[in-house]
N, C-alpha and C. Protein backbone atom coordinates (compact mmCIF):
# COMPACT_ATOMS: atom_id res chain seq x y z
N MET A 1 -81.66 -117.69 25.56
CA MET A 1 -82.13 -116.95 26.71
C MET A 1 -80.96 -116.38 27.50
N THR A 2 -81.20 -115.29 28.18
CA THR A 2 -80.14 -114.69 28.99
C THR A 2 -80.20 -115.23 30.41
N THR A 3 -79.07 -115.18 31.08
CA THR A 3 -79.03 -115.64 32.46
C THR A 3 -79.21 -114.45 33.40
N ARG A 4 -79.83 -114.72 34.52
CA ARG A 4 -80.11 -113.67 35.50
C ARG A 4 -78.88 -113.42 36.35
N PHE A 5 -78.56 -112.15 36.59
CA PHE A 5 -77.40 -111.78 37.39
C PHE A 5 -77.78 -111.64 38.85
N GLY A 6 -76.92 -112.10 39.72
CA GLY A 6 -77.08 -111.82 41.15
C GLY A 6 -78.06 -112.73 41.85
N GLY A 7 -78.03 -112.64 43.16
CA GLY A 7 -78.91 -113.44 43.99
C GLY A 7 -79.89 -112.56 44.73
N SER A 8 -80.34 -113.04 45.90
CA SER A 8 -81.36 -112.31 46.64
C SER A 8 -80.82 -111.07 47.34
N ARG A 9 -79.49 -110.95 47.47
CA ARG A 9 -78.91 -109.76 48.12
C ARG A 9 -78.29 -108.79 47.13
N SER A 10 -78.55 -108.97 45.85
CA SER A 10 -78.00 -108.05 44.86
C SER A 10 -78.72 -106.71 44.94
N ARG A 11 -77.99 -105.63 44.69
CA ARG A 11 -78.50 -104.25 44.73
C ARG A 11 -79.06 -103.88 46.10
N THR A 12 -78.43 -104.35 47.17
CA THR A 12 -78.88 -104.03 48.53
C THR A 12 -77.79 -103.34 49.34
N ARG A 13 -76.82 -102.76 48.66
CA ARG A 13 -75.69 -102.13 49.36
C ARG A 13 -76.16 -101.04 50.31
N LYS A 14 -77.14 -100.26 49.91
CA LYS A 14 -77.63 -99.17 50.75
C LYS A 14 -78.68 -99.65 51.75
N THR A 15 -79.52 -100.59 51.33
CA THR A 15 -80.61 -101.06 52.18
C THR A 15 -80.10 -101.82 53.40
N PHE A 16 -79.16 -102.75 53.18
CA PHE A 16 -78.65 -103.58 54.26
C PHE A 16 -77.34 -103.02 54.79
N ARG A 17 -77.36 -101.76 55.21
CA ARG A 17 -76.14 -101.12 55.70
C ARG A 17 -76.39 -100.54 57.08
N LYS A 18 -75.38 -100.62 57.94
CA LYS A 18 -75.47 -100.03 59.27
C LYS A 18 -74.97 -98.60 59.23
N ASN A 19 -75.47 -97.78 60.14
CA ASN A 19 -74.92 -96.45 60.34
C ASN A 19 -73.56 -96.61 61.00
N PRO A 20 -72.66 -95.65 60.84
CA PRO A 20 -71.34 -95.76 61.47
C PRO A 20 -71.39 -95.92 62.98
N LYS A 21 -72.40 -95.35 63.64
CA LYS A 21 -72.51 -95.48 65.10
C LYS A 21 -72.96 -96.87 65.54
N GLU A 22 -73.55 -97.64 64.64
CA GLU A 22 -74.06 -98.98 64.98
C GLU A 22 -73.06 -100.08 64.69
N HIS A 23 -71.88 -99.74 64.17
CA HIS A 23 -70.89 -100.76 63.84
C HIS A 23 -70.37 -101.42 65.11
N GLY A 24 -69.90 -102.65 64.96
CA GLY A 24 -69.35 -103.37 66.10
C GLY A 24 -70.14 -104.63 66.36
N LYS A 25 -69.99 -105.15 67.56
CA LYS A 25 -70.66 -106.40 67.91
C LYS A 25 -72.16 -106.20 68.01
N ILE A 26 -72.90 -107.27 67.70
CA ILE A 26 -74.36 -107.20 67.76
C ILE A 26 -74.81 -107.42 69.20
N SER A 27 -76.00 -106.95 69.49
CA SER A 27 -76.57 -107.09 70.83
C SER A 27 -77.09 -108.52 71.02
N LEU A 28 -76.59 -109.20 72.04
CA LEU A 28 -77.05 -110.56 72.32
C LEU A 28 -78.49 -110.57 72.82
N THR A 29 -78.91 -109.47 73.45
CA THR A 29 -80.29 -109.36 73.92
C THR A 29 -81.24 -109.41 72.73
N ARG A 30 -80.88 -108.72 71.67
CA ARG A 30 -81.72 -108.71 70.47
C ARG A 30 -81.62 -110.03 69.73
N TYR A 31 -80.48 -110.69 69.79
CA TYR A 31 -80.27 -111.96 69.10
C TYR A 31 -81.13 -113.07 69.71
N PHE A 32 -81.24 -113.08 71.05
CA PHE A 32 -81.97 -114.14 71.74
C PHE A 32 -83.34 -113.70 72.26
N GLN A 33 -83.90 -112.60 71.73
CA GLN A 33 -85.16 -112.09 72.26
C GLN A 33 -86.31 -113.08 72.01
N GLN A 34 -87.22 -113.14 72.98
CA GLN A 34 -88.41 -113.98 72.89
C GLN A 34 -89.59 -113.07 72.58
N ILE A 35 -90.35 -113.41 71.54
CA ILE A 35 -91.48 -112.59 71.11
C ILE A 35 -92.73 -113.46 71.15
N PRO A 36 -93.78 -113.01 71.86
CA PRO A 36 -95.00 -113.82 71.95
C PRO A 36 -95.80 -113.77 70.64
N GLU A 37 -96.66 -114.78 70.47
CA GLU A 37 -97.54 -114.82 69.29
C GLU A 37 -98.51 -113.65 69.33
N GLY A 38 -98.80 -113.09 68.17
CA GLY A 38 -99.72 -111.97 68.09
C GLY A 38 -99.05 -110.62 68.23
N GLN A 39 -97.77 -110.60 68.60
CA GLN A 39 -97.03 -109.34 68.77
C GLN A 39 -96.76 -108.73 67.39
N ARG A 40 -96.97 -107.41 67.28
CA ARG A 40 -96.65 -106.71 66.03
C ARG A 40 -95.16 -106.39 66.01
N VAL A 41 -94.53 -106.63 64.87
CA VAL A 41 -93.10 -106.41 64.72
C VAL A 41 -92.82 -105.66 63.42
N LEU A 42 -91.63 -105.10 63.36
CA LEU A 42 -91.15 -104.40 62.17
C LEU A 42 -89.95 -105.16 61.64
N LEU A 43 -89.89 -105.39 60.33
CA LEU A 43 -88.77 -106.09 59.73
C LEU A 43 -87.63 -105.10 59.51
N LYS A 44 -86.58 -105.24 60.30
CA LYS A 44 -85.40 -104.38 60.19
C LYS A 44 -84.19 -105.29 60.22
N VAL A 45 -83.47 -105.36 59.12
CA VAL A 45 -82.40 -106.34 58.96
C VAL A 45 -81.16 -105.98 59.80
N GLU A 46 -80.50 -107.02 60.29
CA GLU A 46 -79.20 -106.89 60.95
C GLU A 46 -78.17 -107.46 59.97
N PRO A 47 -77.41 -106.59 59.27
CA PRO A 47 -76.55 -107.07 58.20
C PRO A 47 -75.42 -108.00 58.65
N ALA A 48 -75.06 -107.97 59.93
CA ALA A 48 -73.98 -108.83 60.41
C ALA A 48 -74.40 -110.28 60.51
N VAL A 49 -75.72 -110.56 60.50
CA VAL A 49 -76.23 -111.93 60.63
C VAL A 49 -77.01 -112.26 59.37
N GLN A 50 -76.52 -113.25 58.59
CA GLN A 50 -77.22 -113.63 57.36
C GLN A 50 -78.26 -114.71 57.60
N LYS A 51 -78.17 -115.41 58.73
CA LYS A 51 -79.11 -116.48 59.04
C LYS A 51 -80.52 -115.92 59.23
N GLY A 52 -81.50 -116.53 58.60
CA GLY A 52 -82.89 -116.12 58.80
C GLY A 52 -83.21 -114.76 58.23
N MET A 53 -82.49 -114.33 57.20
CA MET A 53 -82.72 -113.02 56.60
C MET A 53 -83.79 -113.16 55.51
N TYR A 54 -84.69 -112.21 55.46
CA TYR A 54 -85.76 -112.20 54.47
C TYR A 54 -85.28 -111.52 53.19
N HIS A 55 -86.12 -111.51 52.16
CA HIS A 55 -85.77 -110.87 50.90
C HIS A 55 -85.79 -109.35 51.07
N ALA A 56 -84.98 -108.66 50.31
CA ALA A 56 -84.81 -107.21 50.46
C ALA A 56 -86.08 -106.42 50.21
N ARG A 57 -87.00 -106.96 49.40
CA ARG A 57 -88.22 -106.20 49.09
C ARG A 57 -89.13 -106.05 50.30
N PHE A 58 -88.94 -106.86 51.34
CA PHE A 58 -89.80 -106.79 52.52
C PHE A 58 -89.20 -105.93 53.63
N HIS A 59 -88.09 -105.25 53.37
CA HIS A 59 -87.41 -104.44 54.39
C HIS A 59 -88.28 -103.27 54.81
N GLY A 60 -88.53 -103.17 56.12
CA GLY A 60 -89.35 -102.08 56.65
C GLY A 60 -90.83 -102.41 56.77
N TYR A 61 -91.23 -103.61 56.40
CA TYR A 61 -92.64 -103.99 56.47
C TYR A 61 -93.05 -104.30 57.92
N PRO A 62 -94.26 -103.92 58.31
CA PRO A 62 -94.77 -104.37 59.60
C PRO A 62 -95.41 -105.76 59.44
N GLY A 63 -95.41 -106.52 60.52
CA GLY A 63 -96.00 -107.86 60.47
C GLY A 63 -96.46 -108.31 61.84
N VAL A 64 -97.01 -109.52 61.88
CA VAL A 64 -97.53 -110.11 63.12
C VAL A 64 -96.90 -111.49 63.29
N ILE A 65 -96.46 -111.80 64.50
CA ILE A 65 -95.88 -113.11 64.80
C ILE A 65 -97.00 -114.14 64.81
N LYS A 66 -96.86 -115.19 63.99
CA LYS A 66 -97.87 -116.25 63.90
C LYS A 66 -97.42 -117.54 64.58
N GLY A 67 -96.13 -117.72 64.77
CA GLY A 67 -95.64 -118.94 65.40
C GLY A 67 -94.13 -118.98 65.39
N LYS A 68 -93.60 -120.14 65.78
CA LYS A 68 -92.16 -120.32 65.86
C LYS A 68 -91.77 -121.55 65.06
N GLN A 69 -90.62 -121.49 64.41
CA GLN A 69 -90.10 -122.62 63.65
C GLN A 69 -88.62 -122.72 63.94
N GLY A 70 -88.25 -123.62 64.82
CA GLY A 70 -86.87 -123.73 65.26
C GLY A 70 -86.52 -122.52 66.11
N SER A 71 -85.43 -121.84 65.75
CA SER A 71 -85.06 -120.63 66.48
C SER A 71 -85.62 -119.37 65.81
N CYS A 72 -86.31 -119.54 64.69
CA CYS A 72 -86.87 -118.41 63.94
C CYS A 72 -88.36 -118.27 64.20
N TYR A 73 -88.92 -117.14 63.75
CA TYR A 73 -90.34 -116.87 63.91
C TYR A 73 -91.02 -116.81 62.55
N ILE A 74 -92.29 -117.21 62.53
CA ILE A 74 -93.11 -117.09 61.33
C ILE A 74 -93.84 -115.76 61.44
N VAL A 75 -93.54 -114.85 60.51
CA VAL A 75 -94.11 -113.51 60.52
C VAL A 75 -95.04 -113.38 59.34
N GLN A 76 -96.29 -112.96 59.60
CA GLN A 76 -97.25 -112.76 58.52
C GLN A 76 -97.27 -111.28 58.15
N ILE A 77 -97.05 -111.00 56.86
CA ILE A 77 -97.07 -109.62 56.38
C ILE A 77 -98.14 -109.51 55.29
N SER A 78 -98.50 -108.28 54.97
CA SER A 78 -99.43 -108.03 53.88
C SER A 78 -98.64 -107.40 52.74
N ASP A 79 -98.52 -108.12 51.62
CA ASP A 79 -97.79 -107.63 50.46
C ASP A 79 -98.78 -107.41 49.33
N GLN A 80 -99.10 -106.14 49.07
CA GLN A 80 -100.05 -105.75 48.03
C GLN A 80 -101.42 -106.40 48.27
N GLY A 81 -101.83 -106.46 49.54
CA GLY A 81 -103.14 -107.02 49.89
C GLY A 81 -103.15 -108.52 50.04
N LYS A 82 -102.03 -109.19 49.80
CA LYS A 82 -101.96 -110.64 49.92
C LYS A 82 -101.16 -111.01 51.16
N ALA A 83 -101.67 -111.90 51.99
CA ALA A 83 -100.98 -112.32 53.21
C ALA A 83 -99.85 -113.28 52.86
N LYS A 84 -98.64 -113.00 53.37
CA LYS A 84 -97.50 -113.86 53.13
C LYS A 84 -96.83 -114.18 54.45
N ASN A 85 -96.30 -115.40 54.56
CA ASN A 85 -95.59 -115.83 55.75
C ASN A 85 -94.09 -115.86 55.47
N LEU A 86 -93.32 -115.21 56.33
CA LEU A 86 -91.86 -115.20 56.22
C LEU A 86 -91.28 -115.89 57.45
N ILE A 87 -90.18 -116.60 57.26
CA ILE A 87 -89.47 -117.22 58.37
C ILE A 87 -88.25 -116.34 58.65
N VAL A 88 -88.27 -115.67 59.82
CA VAL A 88 -87.28 -114.63 60.11
C VAL A 88 -86.62 -114.91 61.46
N HIS A 89 -85.32 -114.72 61.51
CA HIS A 89 -84.57 -114.85 62.76
C HIS A 89 -84.90 -113.65 63.65
N PRO A 90 -84.97 -113.83 64.98
CA PRO A 90 -85.36 -112.72 65.87
C PRO A 90 -84.45 -111.51 65.84
N VAL A 91 -83.21 -111.66 65.37
CA VAL A 91 -82.31 -110.50 65.33
C VAL A 91 -82.76 -109.50 64.27
N HIS A 92 -83.58 -109.92 63.32
CA HIS A 92 -84.07 -109.03 62.26
C HIS A 92 -85.43 -108.43 62.58
N LEU A 93 -85.93 -108.66 63.80
CA LEU A 93 -87.26 -108.17 64.18
C LEU A 93 -87.15 -107.09 65.25
N LYS A 94 -88.03 -106.09 65.15
CA LYS A 94 -88.10 -105.02 66.14
C LYS A 94 -89.54 -104.90 66.59
N ARG A 95 -89.75 -104.96 67.89
CA ARG A 95 -91.11 -104.89 68.44
C ARG A 95 -91.75 -103.53 68.20
N MET A 96 -93.05 -103.56 67.94
CA MET A 96 -93.83 -102.34 67.79
C MET A 96 -94.79 -102.24 68.96
N ALA A 97 -95.20 -101.05 69.30
CA ALA A 97 -96.11 -100.84 70.43
C ALA A 97 -97.51 -101.35 70.13
């Protein structure tokens, strides 16, 4: 049998990249943001923080906050009609209206 190459961040050079204007220190407001349950969020990765990062296939997905686990949030998304729960750090979440 052959061995599989790479890990969960393989082939993500373009996906997990910042624009040149966004380079520099991360926003502490976004790092420590509090999000209530039931709030709709968008999964948008912050490449400078690897903690609580989801798999690359879920990048750009909308979801709903279902709860909290430590400093991270449990986000429920719909993947091909199936509900999935992701544990995501708040720096990778963006609030939706």
